Protein backbone atom coordinates (compact mmCIF):
# COMPACT_ATOMS: atom_id res chain seq x y z
CA MET A 1 10.10 28.97 -2.28
CA ASN A 2 9.54 25.23 -2.56
CA ASN A 3 10.28 23.75 -6.03
CA ILE A 4 9.03 20.27 -5.33
CA PHE A 5 5.77 19.14 -3.90
CA VAL A 6 3.84 15.93 -3.01
CA LEU A 7 0.72 15.13 -5.03
CA ASP A 8 -2.36 14.37 -2.99
CA LYS A 9 -4.54 11.28 -3.60
CA TYR A 10 -6.81 13.01 -6.07
CA GLU A 11 -3.89 14.47 -8.05
CA LYS A 12 -2.23 11.02 -8.12
CA LYS A 13 -5.40 9.52 -9.47
CA GLU A 14 -5.72 12.14 -12.14
CA VAL A 15 -2.10 11.74 -13.27
CA ALA A 16 -2.49 7.92 -13.49
CA LYS A 17 -5.71 8.36 -15.50
CA ASN A 18 -4.31 10.89 -17.94
CA PHE A 19 -0.91 9.30 -18.67
CA ASP A 20 -0.99 5.64 -19.65
CA ARG A 21 2.66 5.13 -19.00
CA LEU A 22 2.05 5.97 -15.32
CA ASN A 23 -0.80 3.47 -14.93
CA LYS A 24 1.09 1.52 -12.16
CA LEU A 25 1.12 4.72 -10.11
CA LYS A 26 -2.52 4.14 -9.01
CA TYR A 27 -1.41 0.94 -7.21
CA SER A 28 1.44 2.57 -5.35
CA ALA A 29 1.10 3.23 -1.65
CA VAL A 30 3.57 6.12 -1.89
CA GLU A 31 2.38 9.59 -2.87
CA PRO A 32 4.48 10.86 -5.79
CA THR A 33 6.47 14.08 -5.83
CA ALA A 34 6.60 16.56 -8.63
CA PHE A 35 8.78 19.53 -9.58
CA THR A 36 7.38 23.03 -10.29
CA GLU A 37 8.45 24.67 -13.54
CA ARG A 38 11.05 26.61 -11.62
CA GLY A 39 12.28 23.44 -9.99
CA LEU A 40 12.69 21.79 -13.38
CA TYR A 41 14.67 24.73 -14.69
CA MET A 42 16.92 24.66 -11.62
CA LEU A 43 17.47 20.93 -12.02
CA ALA A 44 18.32 21.35 -15.71
CA THR A 45 20.92 23.94 -14.91
CA ILE A 46 22.52 21.58 -12.36
CA ILE A 47 22.50 18.54 -14.66
CA LYS A 48 23.57 20.56 -17.70
CA SER A 49 22.67 17.90 -20.25
CA PRO A 50 21.05 18.61 -23.61
CA LEU A 51 18.08 16.36 -22.71
CA ALA A 52 17.45 18.22 -19.39
CA THR A 53 17.71 21.57 -21.08
CA ASN A 54 15.41 20.61 -24.00
CA THR A 55 12.83 19.11 -21.67
CA THR A 56 12.75 22.21 -19.52
CA LEU A 57 12.45 24.49 -22.55
CA SER A 58 9.61 22.34 -23.93
CA ILE A 59 7.74 22.66 -20.60
CA VAL A 60 8.22 26.40 -20.42
CA GLU A 61 7.18 26.89 -24.07
CA THR A 62 4.11 24.74 -23.65
CA ARG A 63 3.14 26.71 -20.54
CA TYR A 64 3.80 30.25 -21.66
CA CYS A 65 3.81 30.26 -25.45
CA THR A 66 0.47 28.63 -26.29
């Protein structure tokens, strides 16, 4: 199972449109990569920092508990 993927041009445009802090992304020639939820969880267990753990829990709670 792949836990990271490359956004296509449409997805990149949507991300740049919906998140102001990523506005510069629309001018980038590189297609961005993103982690799946499982990939974020795996990364947090490797990093083992409170911030990584809290971020992952927030994502999972937002996805499955609302």
